[in-house]
C-alpha atoms as a PDB file:
ATOM      1  CA  ALA A   1      41.992  33.392 109.979  1.00  0.00           C
ATOM      2  CA  ALA A   2      41.381  35.199 106.697  1.00  0.00           C
ATOM      3  CA  GLY A   3      43.687  33.351 103.797  1.00  0.00           C
ATOM      4  CA  ARG A   4      44.030  30.186 105.670  1.00  0.00           C
ATOM      5  CA  PRO A   5      42.253  27.156 103.865  1.00  0.00           C
ATOM      6  CA  LEU A   6      39.962  25.538 105.798  1.00  0.00           C
ATOM      7  CA  PRO A   7      40.697  22.179 107.155  1.00  0.00           C
ATOM      8  CA  GLN A   8      39.342  19.342 105.502  1.00  0.00           C
ATOM      9  CA  ARG A   9      36.658  17.128 107.098  1.00  0.00           C
ATOM     10  CA  ALA A  10      37.842  13.941 107.733  1.00  0.00           C
ATOM     11  CA  GLU A  11      35.104  11.486 106.522  1.00  0.00           C
ATOM     12  CA  GLY A  12      36.878   8.463 105.525  1.00  0.00           C
ATOM     13  CA  PRO A  13      37.892   7.595 102.156  1.00  0.00           C
ATOM     14  CA  PRO A  14      36.241   9.300  98.720  1.00  0.00           C
ATOM     15  CA  THR A  15      33.466   8.094  97.289  1.00  0.00           C
ATOM     16  CA  PRO A  16      34.088   6.899  93.598  1.00  0.00           C
ATOM     17  CA  ASP A  17      33.650   9.584  91.262  1.00  0.00           C
ATOM     18  CA  PRO A  18      30.855   9.156  89.310  1.00  0.00           C
ATOM     19  CA  SER A  19      32.537  10.953  86.122  1.00  0.00           C
ATOM     20  CA  LYS A  20      35.140   8.237  85.866  1.00  0.00           C
ATOM     21  CA  ARG A  21      34.542   4.664  84.770  1.00  0.00           C
ATOM     22  CA  TYR A  22      36.366   1.986  87.070  1.00  0.00           C
ATOM     23  CA  VAL A  23      37.745  -1.642  86.381  1.00  0.00           C
ATOM     24  CA  VAL A  24      35.707  -4.025  88.872  1.00  0.00           C
ATOM     25  CA  GLU A  25      36.889  -7.422  89.051  1.00  0.00           C
ATOM     26  CA  THR A  26      33.694  -9.781  88.315  1.00  0.00           C
ATOM     27  CA  SER A  27      35.604 -12.873  86.705  1.00  0.00           C
ATOM     28  CA  SER A  28      34.431 -15.319  89.679  1.00  0.00           C
ATOM     29  CA  ALA A  29      31.286 -13.234  90.964  1.00  0.00           C
ATOM     30  CA  PRO A  30      27.529 -14.788  90.436  1.00  0.00           C
ATOM     31  CA  ILE A  31      26.372 -13.178  87.410  1.00  0.00           C
ATOM     32  CA  ARG A  32      22.597 -12.751  86.561  1.00  0.00           C
ATOM     33  CA  GLY A  33      21.261 -12.443  82.904  1.00  0.00           C
ATOM     34  CA  ASN A  34      23.339 -13.256  79.709  1.00  0.00           C
ATOM     35  CA  LYS A  35      27.374 -13.276  80.514  1.00  0.00           C
ATOM     36  CA  ASP A  36      28.098 -11.529  77.049  1.00  0.00           C
ATOM     37  CA  ALA A  37      25.354  -8.722  77.772  1.00  0.00           C
ATOM     38  CA  GLN A  38      26.711  -4.946  76.346  1.00  0.00           C
ATOM     39  CA  ILE A  39      25.835  -3.813  79.879  1.00  0.00           C
ATOM     40  CA  THR A  40      27.635  -4.881  83.199  1.00  0.00           C
ATOM     41  CA  ILE A  41      25.772  -3.871  86.582  1.00  0.00           C
ATOM     42  CA  VAL A  42      28.093  -4.514  89.549  1.00  0.00           C
ATOM     43  CA  ALA A  43      26.191  -4.650  92.699  1.00  0.00           C
ATOM     44  CA  PHE A  44      27.996  -4.008  96.015  1.00  0.00           C
ATOM     45  CA  SER A  45      25.482  -5.394  98.649  1.00  0.00           C
ATOM     46  CA  ASP A  46      24.698  -6.505 102.087  1.00  0.00           C
ATOM     47  CA  PHE A  47      22.123  -8.861 103.007  1.00  0.00           C
ATOM     48  CA  GLN A  48      20.916  -7.180 106.024  1.00  0.00           C
ATOM     49  CA  CYS A  49      20.989  -3.862 104.210  1.00  0.00           C
ATOM     50  CA  PRO A  50      17.208  -2.330 103.945  1.00  0.00           C
ATOM     51  CA  PHE A  51      18.386  -0.166 100.723  1.00  0.00           C
ATOM     52  CA  CYS A  52      19.695  -2.853  98.911  1.00  0.00           C
ATOM     53  CA  SER A  53      16.563  -5.102  99.255  1.00  0.00           C
ATOM     54  CA  ARG A  54      14.282  -2.116  98.285  1.00  0.00           C
ATOM     55  CA  VAL A  55      16.636  -2.189  94.817  1.00  0.00           C
ATOM     56  CA  ASN A  56      16.039  -5.744  93.854  1.00  0.00           C
ATOM     57  CA  PRO A  57      12.682  -4.589  92.377  1.00  0.00           C
ATOM     58  CA  THR A  58      14.307  -2.199  90.458  1.00  0.00           C
ATOM     59  CA  LEU A  59      16.794  -4.482  89.224  1.00  0.00           C
ATOM     60  CA  ALA A  60      14.180  -6.721  88.527  1.00  0.00           C
ATOM     61  CA  GLN A  61      12.394  -4.302  85.848  1.00  0.00           C
ATOM     62  CA  ILE A  62      15.788  -3.320  84.235  1.00  0.00           C
ATOM     63  CA  ASN A  63      16.236  -6.976  83.780  1.00  0.00           C
ATOM     64  CA  ASP A  64      12.565  -7.290  81.837  1.00  0.00           C
ATOM     65  CA  ALA A  65      13.190  -4.429  80.486  1.00  0.00           C
ATOM     66  CA  TYR A  66      16.888  -4.763  79.108  1.00  0.00           C
ATOM     67  CA  LYS A  67      16.686  -8.504  78.207  1.00  0.00           C
ATOM     68  CA  ASP A  68      19.911 -10.164  77.098  1.00  0.00           C
ATOM     69  CA  LYS A  69      21.354  -6.479  76.842  1.00  0.00           C
ATOM     70  CA  VAL A  70      22.272  -6.122  80.733  1.00  0.00           C
ATOM     71  CA  LYS A  71      23.658  -8.591  83.180  1.00  0.00           C
ATOM     72  CA  VAL A  72      24.121  -7.909  87.000  1.00  0.00           C
ATOM     73  CA  VAL A  73      27.133  -8.906  88.961  1.00  0.00           C
ATOM     74  CA  PHE A  74      26.910  -9.300  92.755  1.00  0.00           C
ATOM     75  CA  LYS A  75      29.596  -8.478  94.965  1.00  0.00           C
ATOM     76  CA  HIS A  76      29.575  -9.066  98.359  1.00  0.00           C
ATOM     77  CA  LEU A  77      29.712  -6.136 101.126  1.00  0.00           C
ATOM     78  CA  PRO A  78      28.704  -7.218 104.422  1.00  0.00           C
ATOM     79  CA  LEU A  79      28.799  -3.395 106.710  1.00  0.00           C
ATOM     80  CA  ARG A  80      30.259  -3.685 110.202  1.00  0.00           C
ATOM     81  CA  ILE A  81      26.887  -2.502 111.239  1.00  0.00           C
ATOM     82  CA  HIS A  82      25.102  -5.593 110.314  1.00  0.00           C
ATOM     83  CA  PRO A  83      26.045  -8.099 112.493  1.00  0.00           C
ATOM     84  CA  ASP A  84      23.840 -11.142 110.722  1.00  0.00           C
ATOM     85  CA  ALA A  85      25.114 -10.270 107.269  1.00  0.00           C
ATOM     86  CA  PRO A  86      28.476 -12.244 107.472  1.00  0.00           C
ATOM     87  CA  ALA A  87      26.704 -15.400 108.092  1.00  0.00           C
ATOM     88  CA  ALA A  88      23.990 -14.582 104.771  1.00  0.00           C
ATOM     89  CA  HIS A  89      27.074 -13.793 102.659  1.00  0.00           C
ATOM     90  CA  ALA A  90      28.762 -17.156 103.392  1.00  0.00           C
ATOM     91  CA  ALA A  91      25.141 -18.595 103.040  1.00  0.00           C
ATOM     92  CA  ALA A  92      24.993 -17.203  99.590  1.00  0.00           C
ATOM     93  CA  GLU A  93      28.379 -17.988  98.271  1.00  0.00           C
ATOM     94  CA  ALA A  94      28.342 -21.237  99.545  1.00  0.00           C
ATOM     95  CA  ALA A  95      24.852 -21.909  97.362  1.00  0.00           C
ATOM     96  CA  HIS A  96      26.827 -20.297  94.546  1.00  0.00           C
ATOM     97  CA  ARG A  97      29.173 -22.839  94.883  1.00  0.00           C
ATOM     98  CA  GLN A  98      26.410 -25.382  94.140  1.00  0.00           C
ATOM     99  CA  GLY A  99      25.388 -23.277  91.268  1.00  0.00           C
ATOM    100  CA  LYS A 100      22.368 -21.589  92.964  1.00  0.00           C
ATOM    101  CA  PHE A 101      23.762 -18.385  94.190  1.00  0.00           C
ATOM    102  CA  TRP A 102      20.566 -16.039  92.992  1.00  0.00           C
ATOM    103  CA  GLU A 103      18.009 -18.741  94.360  1.00  0.00           C
ATOM    104  CA  MET A 104      19.585 -18.459  97.790  1.00  0.00           C
ATOM    105  CA  HIS A 105      20.105 -14.400  97.067  1.00  0.00           C
ATOM    106  CA  ASP A 106      16.259 -14.444  96.534  1.00  0.00           C
ATOM    107  CA  LYS A 107      15.099 -16.284  99.825  1.00  0.00           C
ATOM    108  CA  ILE A 108      17.428 -14.453 101.958  1.00  0.00           C
ATOM    109  CA  PHE A 109      16.394 -10.888 100.829  1.00  0.00           C
ATOM    110  CA  ALA A 110      12.398 -12.093 100.950  1.00  0.00           C
ATOM    111  CA  ASN A 111      13.217 -13.125 104.334  1.00  0.00           C
ATOM    112  CA  GLN A 112      15.098 -10.307 105.485  1.00  0.00           C
ATOM    113  CA  ARG A 113      14.568 -10.192 109.302  1.00  0.00           C
ATOM    114  CA  GLU A 114      15.239 -14.125 109.564  1.00  0.00           C
ATOM    115  CA  LEU A 115      19.206 -13.813 108.938  1.00  0.00           C
ATOM    116  CA  LYS A 116      20.335 -16.924 111.113  1.00  0.00           C
ATOM    117  CA  PRO A 117      21.912 -19.968 110.078  1.00  0.00           C
ATOM    118  CA  GLU A 118      18.887 -22.342 110.647  1.00  0.00           C
ATOM    119  CA  LYS A 119      17.041 -20.489 107.979  1.00  0.00           C
ATOM    120  CA  PHE A 120      19.858 -20.813 105.592  1.00  0.00           C
ATOM    121  CA  ARG A 121      19.999 -24.324 106.192  1.00  0.00           C
ATOM    122  CA  GLU A 122      16.170 -24.551 105.647  1.00  0.00           C
ATOM    123  CA  TYR A 123      16.615 -22.484 102.165  1.00  0.00           C
ATOM    124  CA  ALA A 124      19.569 -24.867 101.238  1.00  0.00           C
ATOM    125  CA  ARG A 125      17.052 -28.108 101.535  1.00  0.00           C
ATOM    126  CA  GLU A 126      14.558 -26.155  99.719  1.00  0.00           C
ATOM    127  CA  LEU A 127      16.819 -25.916  96.726  1.00  0.00           C
ATOM    128  CA  GLY A 128      18.121 -29.188  96.909  1.00  0.00           C
ATOM    129  CA  LEU A 129      21.439 -28.247  97.609  1.00  0.00           C
ATOM    130  CA  ASP A 130      23.951 -31.026  99.281  1.00  0.00           C
ATOM    131  CA  LEU A 131      23.731 -29.739 102.992  1.00  0.00           C
ATOM    132  CA  ALA A 132      26.959 -31.330 103.836  1.00  0.00           C
ATOM    133  CA  GLN A 133      28.763 -29.598 101.317  1.00  0.00           C
ATOM    134  CA  PHE A 134      26.718 -26.518 101.947  1.00  0.00           C
ATOM    135  CA  GLU A 135      27.883 -26.821 105.788  1.00  0.00           C
ATOM    136  CA  LYS A 136      31.392 -27.094 105.084  1.00  0.00           C
ATOM    137  CA  ASP A 137      31.853 -24.432 102.497  1.00  0.00           C
ATOM    138  CA  VAL A 138      29.972 -21.846 104.876  1.00  0.00           C
ATOM    139  CA  ALA A 139      32.527 -22.555 107.316  1.00  0.00           C
ATOM    140  CA  SER A 140      34.990 -22.682 104.939  1.00  0.00           C
ATOM    141  CA  PRO A 141      38.372 -20.286 104.723  1.00  0.00           C
ATOM    142  CA  ASP A 142      38.093 -19.871 100.820  1.00  0.00           C
ATOM    143  CA  VAL A 143      34.016 -18.394 101.343  1.00  0.00           C
ATOM    144  CA  LYS A 144      35.112 -16.265 103.797  1.00  0.00           C
ATOM    145  CA  LYS A 145      38.531 -15.146 101.700  1.00  0.00           C
ATOM    146  CA  ARG A 146      35.999 -14.381  98.505  1.00  0.00           C
ATOM    147  CA  ILE A 147      33.938 -12.416 100.592  1.00  0.00           C
ATOM    148  CA  ASP A 148      36.751 -10.507 101.946  1.00  0.00           C
ATOM    149  CA  ALA A 149      38.240  -9.761  98.498  1.00  0.00           C
ATOM    150  CA  ASP A 150      35.101  -8.263  97.386  1.00  0.00           C
ATOM    151  CA  SER A 151      35.194  -6.071 100.313  1.00  0.00           C
ATOM    152  CA  GLU A 152      38.544  -5.148  99.994  1.00  0.00           C
ATOM    153  CA  GLU A 153      37.970  -4.315  96.687  1.00  0.00           C
ATOM    154  CA  ALA A 154      35.305  -2.081  97.148  1.00  0.00           C
ATOM    155  CA  ALA A 155      37.512  -0.540  99.708  1.00  0.00           C
ATOM    156  CA  LYS A 156      39.862   0.451  97.122  1.00  0.00           C
ATOM    157  CA  LEU A 157      37.147   1.822  94.527  1.00  0.00           C
ATOM    158  CA  GLY A 158      36.078   4.177  97.736  1.00  0.00           C
ATOM    159  CA  VAL A 159      32.858   2.151  98.036  1.00  0.00           C
ATOM    160  CA  SER A 160      31.973   2.633 101.699  1.00  0.00           C
ATOM    161  CA  GLY A 161      27.910   2.107 101.759  1.00  0.00           C
ATOM    162  CA  THR A 162      25.475  -0.172 100.148  1.00  0.00           C
ATOM    163  CA  PRO A 163      24.139  -0.884  97.480  1.00  0.00           C
ATOM    164  CA  ALA A 164      26.737   0.672  95.292  1.00  0.00           C
ATOM    165  CA  PHE A 165      26.968   0.122  91.622  1.00  0.00           C
ATOM    166  CA  PHE A 166      29.130   0.343  88.689  1.00  0.00           C
ATOM    167  CA  ILE A 167      27.145   0.481  85.500  1.00  0.00           C
ATOM    168  CA  ASN A 168      29.968   0.031  82.951  1.00  0.00           C
ATOM    169  CA  GLY A 169      32.186   1.034  85.403  1.00  0.00           C
ATOM    170  CA  LYS A 170      30.544   4.256  86.161  1.00  0.00           C
ATOM    171  CA  PHE A 171      29.511   4.817  89.912  1.00  0.00           C
ATOM    172  CA  LEU A 172      26.109   4.881  91.042  1.00  0.00           C
ATOM    173  CA  SER A 173      25.366   5.340  94.535  1.00  0.00           C
ATOM    174  CA  GLY A 174      22.262   3.906  96.284  1.00  0.00           C
ATOM    175  CA  ALA A 175      18.674   2.803  96.227  1.00  0.00           C
ATOM    176  CA  GLN A 176      18.438   4.713  93.303  1.00  0.00           C
ATOM    177  CA  PRO A 177      14.985   4.779  90.802  1.00  0.00           C
ATOM    178  CA  VAL A 178      14.873   2.695  87.917  1.00  0.00           C
ATOM    179  CA  GLU A 179      15.079   5.811  85.580  1.00  0.00           C
ATOM    180  CA  ALA A 180      18.542   6.630  87.300  1.00  0.00           C
ATOM    181  CA  PHE A 181      19.565   3.047  85.861  1.00  0.00           C
ATOM    182  CA  LYS A 182      17.943   3.562  82.774  1.00  0.00           C
ATOM    183  CA  LYS A 183      19.546   6.833  82.075  1.00  0.00           C
ATOM    184  CA  MET A 184      23.065   5.589  82.435  1.00  0.00           C
ATOM    185  CA  ILE A 185      22.188   2.212  80.601  1.00  0.00           C
ATOM    186  CA  ASP A 186      20.876   4.125  77.777  1.00  0.00           C
ATOM    187  CA  GLU A 187      23.689   6.503  77.254  1.00  0.00           C
ATOM    188  CA  GLU A 188      26.464   3.184  77.657  1.00  0.00           C
ATOM    189  CA  LEU A 189      23.923   1.739  74.815  1.00  0.00           C
ATOM    190  CA  ALA A 190      24.166   4.830  72.728  1.00  0.00           C
ATOM    191  CA  LYS A 191      28.054   4.461  72.431  1.00  0.00           C
ATOM    192  CA  GLY A 192      27.721   0.816  70.746  1.00  0.00           C
END
């Protein structure tokens, strides 16, 4: 066998290259922070993923530290291994259509063990959403199409797990400590 190349292991699509800069579509996605911020953190997330829940306090720290210099853009990536995630993403996207995405996002992650439609309706009531419209949107093919489009974009980028981040287009994988985010953000800010 000497001299023959070793076979490649089939592990699915390659992950994004952290040394490259990627373009991620953000035009219709929910944004938290200054829409004109110098730094854009695109977060591909899954509402049933425990690591996605763990990184939320880190993102809040980043927001506190950088204020108007950073915005976070949410992208839907419900993983197949999480059977309750699609309904949670539909509820969040339905809330987004009434201007309450981040409020629903925060409630879902705060109650991650209760990802059931009746809980989402309860949150919608608490947030003052039009319930009839919320129910209609949750079941809407347009909402499913929106979520599917994010998932398809993630696949094209090579993202197969959550959470996955693109900081001004540069890839950062997983629930990283705040220092990992700050290092990349500071490098981007230094470029002007």
